[in-house]
Protein backbone atom coordinates (compact mmCIF):
# COMPACT_ATOMS: atom_id res chain seq x y z
CA MET A 1 35.24 112.31 -258.98
CA ARG A 2 33.87 108.79 -258.57
CA ILE A 3 36.51 106.09 -258.21
CA ARG A 4 36.14 103.05 -260.41
CA LEU A 5 38.10 100.03 -259.24
CA ASP A 6 37.48 96.80 -261.16
CA SER A 7 40.84 95.04 -261.28
CA LEU A 8 44.39 95.10 -259.97
CA LEU A 9 47.48 94.34 -262.01
CA TRP A 10 50.17 92.35 -260.23
CA ASP A 11 53.81 91.62 -260.94
CA ASP A 12 56.10 89.17 -259.18
CA ALA A 13 58.29 91.92 -257.70
CA THR A 14 55.35 93.58 -255.94
CA ILE A 15 53.95 90.27 -254.69
CA ASP A 16 57.39 89.38 -253.33
CA LYS A 17 57.84 92.81 -251.69
CA LEU A 18 54.43 92.63 -250.00
CA TRP A 19 55.35 89.34 -248.36
CA ARG A 20 59.02 90.03 -247.65
CA LYS A 21 58.59 93.50 -246.11
CA HIS A 22 55.05 93.47 -244.76
CA ARG A 23 53.91 89.82 -244.51
CA VAL A 24 50.86 90.60 -246.64
CA GLU A 25 49.61 88.29 -249.40
CA TRP A 26 48.31 89.66 -252.71
CA TRP A 27 44.95 87.96 -252.19
CA GLU A 28 44.57 89.71 -248.82
CA VAL A 29 44.91 93.04 -250.63
CA GLU A 30 42.16 92.03 -253.04
CA GLU A 31 39.92 90.91 -250.16
CA ALA A 32 40.40 94.22 -248.36
CA ILE A 33 39.55 96.20 -251.49
CA PHE A 34 36.86 94.16 -253.22
CA ASP A 35 35.18 92.18 -250.42
CA ASP A 36 35.06 94.68 -247.54
CA GLU A 37 31.86 96.67 -247.96
CA GLU A 38 33.18 99.21 -245.44
CA ALA A 39 36.50 99.82 -247.21
CA ARG A 40 37.39 103.51 -247.41
CA PHE A 41 39.03 105.15 -250.41
CA ARG A 42 40.75 108.54 -250.61
CA TRP A 43 43.15 110.34 -252.89
CA HIS A 44 46.53 111.34 -251.50
CA GLU A 45 49.01 113.76 -253.07
CA ASP A 46 52.61 112.85 -252.33
CA ARG A 47 55.56 115.01 -253.39
CA ARG A 48 57.72 112.00 -254.14
CA HIS A 49 55.17 109.47 -255.46
CA GLY A 50 52.53 111.74 -256.98
CA ARG A 51 48.79 111.22 -256.80
CA ARG A 52 47.79 107.85 -255.43
CA LEU A 53 44.75 106.15 -253.99
CA LEU A 54 44.81 104.98 -250.39
CA VAL A 55 42.45 102.18 -249.41
CA ARG A 56 41.71 101.05 -245.87
CA GLY A 57 39.91 97.73 -245.65
CA ARG A 58 39.72 94.41 -243.81
CA THR A 59 40.54 90.95 -245.00
CA SER A 60 38.15 88.07 -244.38
CA GLY A 61 40.48 87.10 -241.53
CA GLY A 62 40.03 90.51 -239.90
CA ARG A 63 43.40 92.09 -240.74
CA ARG A 64 43.16 95.84 -241.30
CA LEU A 65 45.22 96.81 -244.34
CA LEU A 66 46.32 100.12 -245.78
CA VAL A 67 46.81 99.70 -249.52
CA VAL A 68 48.49 102.15 -251.91
CA LEU A 69 47.26 102.04 -255.51
CA HIS A 70 48.37 103.85 -258.66
CA PRO A 71 46.07 104.20 -261.67
CA VAL A 72 46.92 102.29 -264.83
CA GLU A 73 43.66 103.12 -266.61
CA ALA A 74 41.52 104.76 -263.94
CA GLU A 75 38.59 105.32 -266.31
CA ALA A 76 38.51 101.59 -267.02
CA GLY A 77 38.97 100.69 -263.35
CA VAL A 78 42.46 99.19 -263.73
CA TRP A 79 45.00 99.85 -260.97
CA ARG A 80 48.39 98.62 -259.79
CA CYS A 81 49.15 97.88 -256.15
CA ARG A 82 52.35 99.60 -255.05
CA THR A 83 52.39 98.45 -251.44
CA ALA A 84 50.21 97.43 -248.51
CA TRP A 85 50.71 96.81 -244.82
CA GLU A 86 48.74 95.81 -241.79
CA GLU A 87 47.54 98.68 -239.63
CA LYS A 88 47.82 97.86 -235.97
CA SER A 89 44.93 98.63 -233.62
CA ARG A 90 44.92 102.16 -232.31
C-alpha cells in the first residue's frame, strides 16, 4: 500500500506536548516529514494505540526525529501527529 502524506492536522495540546515533553517544535516535525528526501516511513501495529505510521527524518538543522502519525483521511493524505522525539545518535 502506497502511503500518501500531504498535510498534518495540529491542535494546541499536541503542539504543547511536543515542546513540553520532548523539546520538539511542530515545524521541525513538518521539516522531517516533508523536506527530508531520505525520510523513512513504516507501519507499526501497537496493541494499545492501534495501527500507526512511524516516520524517521531529519530537520533542516540536522536533528533526527521519530514521528508517530495517525491517519485522519489516509486516502486524501491527511494525518495527525500524535508525538515526536529526537533520536540520539547510536
